[in-house]
Amino acid sequence: GILIGSLGDIVFLAAVLSLKDSWRVGIPQSGQTE
């Protein structure tokens, strides 16, 4: 479980870094991201 959870941290960090300023939590009401 600790190993799987750590992998989750790595995957989440990679996702946030890849999205840069296009990251949103939820569907945006206005504006369009890349």
All heavy atoms as atom14 arrays in JSON, in Angstrom:
{
  "sequence": "GILIGSLGDIVFLAAVLSLKDSWRVGIPQSGQTE",
  "atom14_mask": [
    [1, 1, 1, 1, 0, 0, 0, 0, 0, 0, 0, 0, 0, 0],
    [1, 1, 1, 1, 1, 1, 1, 1, 0, 0, 0, 0, 0, 0],
    [1, 1, 1, 1, 1, 1, 1, 1, 0, 0, 0, 0, 0, 0],
    [1, 1, 1, 1, 1, 1, 1, 1, 0, 0, 0, 0, 0, 0],
    [1, 1, 1, 1, 0, 0, 0, 0, 0, 0, 0, 0, 0, 0],
    [1, 1, 1, 1, 1, 1, 0, 0, 0, 0, 0, 0, 0, 0],
    [1, 1, 1, 1, 1, 1, 1, 1, 0, 0, 0, 0, 0, 0],
    [1, 1, 1, 1, 0, 0, 0, 0, 0, 0, 0, 0, 0, 0],
    [1, 1, 1, 1, 1, 1, 1, 1, 0, 0, 0, 0, 0, 0],
    [1, 1, 1, 1, 1, 1, 1, 1, 0, 0, 0, 0, 0, 0],
    [1, 1, 1, 1, 1, 1, 1, 0, 0, 0, 0, 0, 0, 0],
    [1, 1, 1, 1, 1, 1, 1, 1, 1, 1, 1, 0, 0, 0],
    [1, 1, 1, 1, 1, 1, 1, 1, 0, 0, 0, 0, 0, 0],
    [1, 1, 1, 1, 1, 0, 0, 0, 0, 0, 0, 0, 0, 0],
    [1, 1, 1, 1, 1, 0, 0, 0, 0, 0, 0, 0, 0, 0],
    [1, 1, 1, 1, 1, 1, 1, 0, 0, 0, 0, 0, 0, 0],
    [1, 1, 1, 1, 1, 1, 1, 1, 0, 0, 0, 0, 0, 0],
    [1, 1, 1, 1, 1, 1, 0, 0, 0, 0, 0, 0, 0, 0],
    [1, 1, 1, 1, 1, 1, 1, 1, 0, 0, 0, 0, 0, 0],
    [1, 1, 1, 1, 1, 1, 1, 1, 1, 0, 0, 0, 0, 0],
    [1, 1, 1, 1, 1, 1, 1, 1, 0, 0, 0, 0, 0, 0],
    [1, 1, 1, 1, 1, 1, 0, 0, 0, 0, 0, 0, 0, 0],
    [1, 1, 1, 1, 1, 1, 1, 1, 1, 1, 1, 1, 1, 1],
    [1, 1, 1, 1, 1, 1, 1, 1, 1, 1, 1, 0, 0, 0],
    [1, 1, 1, 1, 1, 1, 1, 0, 0, 0, 0, 0, 0, 0],
    [1, 1, 1, 1, 0, 0, 0, 0, 0, 0, 0, 0, 0, 0],
    [1, 1, 1, 1, 1, 1, 1, 1, 0, 0, 0, 0, 0, 0],
    [1, 1, 1, 1, 1, 1, 1, 0, 0, 0, 0, 0, 0, 0],
    [1, 1, 1, 1, 1, 1, 1, 1, 1, 0, 0, 0, 0, 0],
    [1, 1, 1, 1, 1, 1, 0, 0, 0, 0, 0, 0, 0, 0],
    [1, 1, 1, 1, 0, 0, 0, 0, 0, 0, 0, 0, 0, 0],
    [1, 1, 1, 1, 1, 1, 1, 1, 1, 0, 0, 0, 0, 0],
    [1, 1, 1, 1, 1, 1, 1, 0, 0, 0, 0, 0, 0, 0],
    [1, 1, 1, 1, 1, 1, 1, 1, 1, 0, 0, 0, 0, 0]
  ],
  "atom14_positions": [
    [[0.81, -1.21, 0.0], [0.0, 0.0, 0.0], [0.84, 1.26, 0.0], [0.54, 2.23, -0.7], [0.0, 0.0, 0.0], [0.0, 0.0, 0.0], [0.0, 0.0, 0.0], [0.0, 0.0, 0.0], [0.0, 0.0, 0.0], [0.0, 0.0, 0.0], [0.0, 0.0, 0.0], [0.0, 0.0, 0.0], [0.0, 0.0, 0.0], [0.0, 0.0, 0.0]],
    [[1.92, 1.25, 0.79], [2.81, 2.41, 0.82], [3.44, 2.63, -0.55], [3.55, 3.78, -1.02], [3.91, 2.2, 1.89], [3.3, 2.17, 3.3], [4.97, 3.29, 1.79], [2.59, 3.44, 3.71], [0.0, 0.0, 0.0], [0.0, 0.0, 0.0], [0.0, 0.0, 0.0], [0.0, 0.0, 0.0], [0.0, 0.0, 0.0], [0.0, 0.0, 0.0]],
    [[3.84, 1.57, -1.21], [4.45, 1.69, -2.54], [3.44, 2.21, -3.56], [3.76, 3.07, -4.39], [5.02, 0.34, -2.99], [6.18, -0.21, -2.14], [6.58, -1.6, -2.64], [7.36, 0.74, -2.18], [0.0, 0.0, 0.0], [0.0, 0.0, 0.0], [0.0, 0.0, 0.0], [0.0, 0.0, 0.0], [0.0, 0.0, 0.0], [0.0, 0.0, 0.0]],
    [[2.21, 1.69, -3.5], [1.17, 2.13, -4.42], [0.82, 3.6, -4.17], [0.65, 4.38, -5.1], [-0.09, 1.24, -4.29], [0.22, -0.18, -4.79], [-1.26, 1.83, -5.06], [-0.87, -1.19, -4.48], [0.0, 0.0, 0.0], [0.0, 0.0, 0.0], [0.0, 0.0, 0.0], [0.0, 0.0, 0.0], [0.0, 0.0, 0.0], [0.0, 0.0, 0.0]],
    [[0.71, 3.97, -2.91], [0.41, 5.36, -2.57], [1.51, 6.3, -3.04], [1.24, 7.41, -3.53], [0.0, 0.0, 0.0], [0.0, 0.0, 0.0], [0.0, 0.0, 0.0], [0.0, 0.0, 0.0], [0.0, 0.0, 0.0], [0.0, 0.0, 0.0], [0.0, 0.0, 0.0], [0.0, 0.0, 0.0], [0.0, 0.0, 0.0], [0.0, 0.0, 0.0]],
    [[2.77, 5.87, -2.9], [3.89, 6.68, -3.37], [3.85, 6.86, -4.88], [4.15, 7.94, -5.4], [5.21, 6.03, -2.95], [5.31, 5.93, -1.54], [0.0, 0.0, 0.0], [0.0, 0.0, 0.0], [0.0, 0.0, 0.0], [0.0, 0.0, 0.0], [0.0, 0.0, 0.0], [0.0, 0.0, 0.0], [0.0, 0.0, 0.0], [0.0, 0.0, 0.0]],
    [[3.48, 5.79, -5.58], [3.33, 5.89, -7.03], [2.25, 6.89, -7.39], [2.37, 7.65, -8.36], [3.0, 4.51, -7.61], [2.78, 4.45, -9.13], [4.02, 4.92, -9.88], [2.4, 3.02, -9.54], [0.0, 0.0, 0.0], [0.0, 0.0, 0.0], [0.0, 0.0, 0.0], [0.0, 0.0, 0.0], [0.0, 0.0, 0.0], [0.0, 0.0, 0.0]],
    [[1.17, 6.9, -6.59], [0.11, 7.88, -6.82], [0.62, 9.31, -6.7], [0.23, 10.18, -7.49], [0.0, 0.0, 0.0], [0.0, 0.0, 0.0], [0.0, 0.0, 0.0], [0.0, 0.0, 0.0], [0.0, 0.0, 0.0], [0.0, 0.0, 0.0], [0.0, 0.0, 0.0], [0.0, 0.0, 0.0], [0.0, 0.0, 0.0], [0.0, 0.0, 0.0]],
    [[1.49, 9.56, -5.73], [2.1, 10.89, -5.58], [2.86, 11.28, -6.85], [2.75, 12.41, -7.34], [3.06, 10.89, -4.39], [2.36, 11.02, -3.06], [1.12, 11.09, -3.04], [3.05, 11.04, -2.03], [0.0, 0.0, 0.0], [0.0, 0.0, 0.0], [0.0, 0.0, 0.0], [0.0, 0.0, 0.0], [0.0, 0.0, 0.0], [0.0, 0.0, 0.0]],
    [[3.65, 10.34, -7.36], [4.49, 10.61, -8.53], [3.62, 10.9, -9.75], [3.87, 11.84, -10.51], [5.43, 9.43, -8.79], [6.43, 9.28, -7.64], [6.17, 9.6, -10.12], [7.24, 8.01, -7.69], [0.0, 0.0, 0.0], [0.0, 0.0, 0.0], [0.0, 0.0, 0.0], [0.0, 0.0, 0.0], [0.0, 0.0, 0.0], [0.0, 0.0, 0.0]],
    [[2.59, 10.08, -9.94], [1.7, 10.26, -11.1], [0.97, 11.6, -11.01], [0.86, 12.33, -12.01], [0.7, 9.09, -11.18], [-0.38, 9.37, -12.24], [1.43, 7.79, -11.51], [0.0, 0.0, 0.0], [0.0, 0.0, 0.0], [0.0, 0.0, 0.0], [0.0, 0.0, 0.0], [0.0, 0.0, 0.0], [0.0, 0.0, 0.0], [0.0, 0.0, 0.0]],
    [[0.49, 11.94, -9.81], [-0.24, 13.2, -9.64], [0.67, 14.39, -9.89], [0.28, 15.36, -10.56], [-0.82, 13.27, -8.23], [-1.72, 14.45, -8.0], [-2.93, 14.57, -8.66], [-1.36, 15.47, -7.12], [-3.77, 15.66, -8.45], [-2.17, 16.56, -6.9], [-3.38, 16.66, -7.57], [0.0, 0.0, 0.0], [0.0, 0.0, 0.0], [0.0, 0.0, 0.0]],
    [[1.89, 14.33, -9.38], [2.85, 15.41, -9.6], [3.16, 15.57, -11.09], [3.19, 16.69, -11.61], [4.14, 15.13, -8.84], [5.28, 16.14, -9.04], [4.87, 17.53, -8.58], [6.54, 15.69, -8.3], [0.0, 0.0, 0.0], [0.0, 0.0, 0.0], [0.0, 0.0, 0.0], [0.0, 0.0, 0.0], [0.0, 0.0, 0.0], [0.0, 0.0, 0.0]],
    [[3.35, 14.45, -11.78], [3.63, 14.5, -13.22], [2.46, 15.12, -13.98], [2.66, 15.88, -14.93], [3.92, 13.09, -13.75], [0.0, 0.0, 0.0], [0.0, 0.0, 0.0], [0.0, 0.0, 0.0], [0.0, 0.0, 0.0], [0.0, 0.0, 0.0], [0.0, 0.0, 0.0], [0.0, 0.0, 0.0], [0.0, 0.0, 0.0], [0.0, 0.0, 0.0]],
    [[1.23, 14.82, -13.54], [0.05, 15.37, -14.2], [-0.03, 16.88, -14.03], [-0.28, 17.63, -14.98], [-1.21, 14.71, -13.65], [0.0, 0.0, 0.0], [0.0, 0.0, 0.0], [0.0, 0.0, 0.0], [0.0, 0.0, 0.0], [0.0, 0.0, 0.0], [0.0, 0.0, 0.0], [0.0, 0.0, 0.0], [0.0, 0.0, 0.0], [0.0, 0.0, 0.0]],
    [[0.19, 17.35, -12.8], [0.12, 18.79, -12.52], [1.21, 19.54, -13.27], [0.98, 20.61, -13.84], [0.23, 19.04, -11.0], [0.35, 20.53, -10.71], [-0.99, 18.48, -10.29], [0.0, 0.0, 0.0], [0.0, 0.0, 0.0], [0.0, 0.0, 0.0], [0.0, 0.0, 0.0], [0.0, 0.0, 0.0], [0.0, 0.0, 0.0], [0.0, 0.0, 0.0]],
    [[2.42, 18.98, -13.3], [3.52, 19.63, -14.02], [3.27, 19.66, -15.52], [3.59, 20.64, -16.2], [4.84, 18.9, -13.72], [5.36, 19.01, -12.29], [6.62, 18.17, -12.12], [5.62, 20.46, -11.91], [0.0, 0.0, 0.0], [0.0, 0.0, 0.0], [0.0, 0.0, 0.0], [0.0, 0.0, 0.0], [0.0, 0.0, 0.0], [0.0, 0.0, 0.0]],
    [[2.68, 18.6, -16.06], [2.39, 18.55, -17.49], [1.32, 19.56, -17.89], [1.39, 20.16, -18.96], [1.95, 17.14, -17.9], [3.0, 16.2, -17.73], [0.0, 0.0, 0.0], [0.0, 0.0, 0.0], [0.0, 0.0, 0.0], [0.0, 0.0, 0.0], [0.0, 0.0, 0.0], [0.0, 0.0, 0.0], [0.0, 0.0, 0.0], [0.0, 0.0, 0.0]],
    [[0.32, 19.75, -17.03], [-0.77, 20.67, -17.34], [-0.35, 22.14, -17.25], [-0.95, 23.0, -17.9], [-1.95, 20.43, -16.4], [-2.87, 19.27, -16.74], [-3.93, 19.12, -15.66], [-3.52, 19.46, -18.09], [0.0, 0.0, 0.0], [0.0, 0.0, 0.0], [0.0, 0.0, 0.0], [0.0, 0.0, 0.0], [0.0, 0.0, 0.0], [0.0, 0.0, 0.0]],
    [[0.63, 22.43, -16.4], [1.08, 23.81, -16.2], [-0.11, 24.68, -15.8], [-0.83, 24.38, -14.87], [1.79, 24.32, -17.45], [3.03, 23.52, -17.81], [3.7, 24.04, -19.06], [4.92, 23.2, -19.41], [5.58, 23.64, -20.65], [0.0, 0.0, 0.0], [0.0, 0.0, 0.0], [0.0, 0.0, 0.0], [0.0, 0.0, 0.0], [0.0, 0.0, 0.0]],
    [[-0.36, 25.77, -16.53], [-1.45, 26.69, -16.15], [-2.81, 26.26, -16.69], [-3.8, 26.97, -16.5], [-1.13, 28.1, -16.64], [0.01, 28.73, -15.85], [0.18, 28.35, -14.68], [0.73, 29.57, -16.41], [0.0, 0.0, 0.0], [0.0, 0.0, 0.0], [0.0, 0.0, 0.0], [0.0, 0.0, 0.0], [0.0, 0.0, 0.0], [0.0, 0.0, 0.0]],
    [[-2.87, 25.12, -17.36], [-4.15, 24.61, -17.85], [-4.86, 23.76, -16.8], [-5.98, 23.3, -17.04], [-3.93, 23.77, -19.13], [-3.53, 24.59, -20.2], [0.0, 0.0, 0.0], [0.0, 0.0, 0.0], [0.0, 0.0, 0.0], [0.0, 0.0, 0.0], [0.0, 0.0, 0.0], [0.0, 0.0, 0.0], [0.0, 0.0, 0.0], [0.0, 0.0, 0.0]],
    [[-4.22, 23.57, -15.66], [-4.82, 22.72, -14.63], [-6.01, 23.41, -13.99], [-5.95, 24.56, -13.58], [-3.79, 22.39, -13.55], [-4.3, 21.42, -12.52], [-4.86, 20.21, -12.75], [-4.29, 21.6, -11.1], [-5.19, 19.6, -11.55], [-4.85, 20.43, -10.53], [-3.84, 22.62, -10.26], [-4.99, 20.26, -9.16], [-3.98, 22.45, -8.9], [-4.55, 21.28, -8.35]],
    [[-7.12, 22.68, -13.93], [-8.32, 23.14, -13.24], [-8.88, 21.98, -12.41], [-8.73, 20.83, -12.78], [-9.41, 23.62, -14.23], [-8.99, 24.77, -15.12], [-8.82, 26.07, -14.36], [-8.56, 27.17, -15.26], [-7.36, 27.48, -15.76], [-6.31, 26.74, -15.43], [-7.21, 28.49, -16.59], [0.0, 0.0, 0.0], [0.0, 0.0, 0.0], [0.0, 0.0, 0.0]],
    [[-9.54, 22.33, -11.32], [-10.22, 21.33, -10.51], [-11.7, 21.49, -10.77], [-12.34, 22.39, -10.24], [-9.9, 21.52, -9.01], [-10.61, 20.44, -8.19], [-8.4, 21.47, -8.77], [0.0, 0.0, 0.0], [0.0, 0.0, 0.0], [0.0, 0.0, 0.0], [0.0, 0.0, 0.0], [0.0, 0.0, 0.0], [0.0, 0.0, 0.0], [0.0, 0.0, 0.0]],
    [[-12.24, 20.64, -11.62], [-13.62, 20.78, -12.04], [-13.71, 21.36, -13.43], [-12.71, 21.79, -14.02], [0.0, 0.0, 0.0], [0.0, 0.0, 0.0], [0.0, 0.0, 0.0], [0.0, 0.0, 0.0], [0.0, 0.0, 0.0], [0.0, 0.0, 0.0], [0.0, 0.0, 0.0], [0.0, 0.0, 0.0], [0.0, 0.0, 0.0], [0.0, 0.0, 0.0]],
    [[-14.92, 21.4, -13.95], [-15.16, 21.94, -15.29], [-15.26, 23.45, -15.2], [-16.1, 23.99, -14.47], [-16.45, 21.34, -15.88], [-16.29, 19.82, -16.04], [-16.79, 21.99, -17.21], [-17.55, 19.12, -16.49], [0.0, 0.0, 0.0], [0.0, 0.0, 0.0], [0.0, 0.0, 0.0], [0.0, 0.0, 0.0], [0.0, 0.0, 0.0], [0.0, 0.0, 0.0]],
    [[-14.42, 24.18, -15.95], [-14.44, 25.65, -15.87], [-15.74, 26.24, -16.42], [-16.32, 25.74, -17.37], [-13.23, 26.06, -16.73], [-13.01, 24.91, -17.65], [-13.39, 23.69, -16.87], [0.0, 0.0, 0.0], [0.0, 0.0, 0.0], [0.0, 0.0, 0.0], [0.0, 0.0, 0.0], [0.0, 0.0, 0.0], [0.0, 0.0, 0.0], [0.0, 0.0, 0.0]],
    [[-16.17, 27.33, -15.77], [-17.39, 28.0, -16.22], [-17.15, 28.85, -17.46], [-18.03, 29.02, -18.29], [-17.92, 28.91, -15.1], [-18.23, 28.18, -13.81], [-18.65, 29.15, -12.73], [-19.71, 29.77, -12.82], [-17.82, 29.32, -11.71], [0.0, 0.0, 0.0], [0.0, 0.0, 0.0], [0.0, 0.0, 0.0], [0.0, 0.0, 0.0], [0.0, 0.0, 0.0]],
    [[-15.97, 29.4, -17.57], [-15.66, 30.27, -18.71], [-14.18, 30.15, -19.01], [-13.38, 29.68, -18.19], [-16.0, 31.73, -18.39], [-15.24, 32.19, -17.27], [0.0, 0.0, 0.0], [0.0, 0.0, 0.0], [0.0, 0.0, 0.0], [0.0, 0.0, 0.0], [0.0, 0.0, 0.0], [0.0, 0.0, 0.0], [0.0, 0.0, 0.0], [0.0, 0.0, 0.0]],
    [[-13.82, 30.58, -20.19], [-12.41, 30.5, -20.59], [-12.07, 29.1, -21.07], [-12.69, 28.12, -20.66], [0.0, 0.0, 0.0], [0.0, 0.0, 0.0], [0.0, 0.0, 0.0], [0.0, 0.0, 0.0], [0.0, 0.0, 0.0], [0.0, 0.0, 0.0], [0.0, 0.0, 0.0], [0.0, 0.0, 0.0], [0.0, 0.0, 0.0], [0.0, 0.0, 0.0]],
    [[-11.12, 29.02, -21.96], [-10.74, 27.74, -22.52], [-9.26, 27.47, -22.29], [-8.42, 28.3, -22.58], [-11.04, 27.71, -24.03], [-10.69, 26.37, -24.69], [-11.11, 26.34, -26.15], [-12.21, 26.79, -26.5], [-10.23, 25.83, -26.99], [0.0, 0.0, 0.0], [0.0, 0.0, 0.0], [0.0, 0.0, 0.0], [0.0, 0.0, 0.0], [0.0, 0.0, 0.0]],
    [[-8.96, 26.32, -21.75], [-7.57, 25.94, -21.54], [-7.07, 25.18, -22.77], [-7.84, 24.85, -23.67], [-7.43, 25.04, -20.3], [-8.21, 23.85, -20.49], [-7.92, 25.76, -19.06], [0.0, 0.0, 0.0], [0.0, 0.0, 0.0], [0.0, 0.0, 0.0], [0.0, 0.0, 0.0], [0.0, 0.0, 0.0], [0.0, 0.0, 0.0], [0.0, 0.0, 0.0]],
    [[-5.79, 24.89, -22.79], [-5.22, 24.12, -23.89], [-5.48, 22.63, -23.67], [-5.61, 22.17, -22.54], [-3.71, 24.35, -23.98], [-3.32, 25.77, -24.31], [-1.81, 25.93, -24.39], [-1.1, 24.9, -24.36], [-1.34, 27.08, -24.49], [0.0, 0.0, 0.0], [0.0, 0.0, 0.0], [0.0, 0.0, 0.0], [0.0, 0.0, 0.0], [0.0, 0.0, 0.0]]
  ]
}
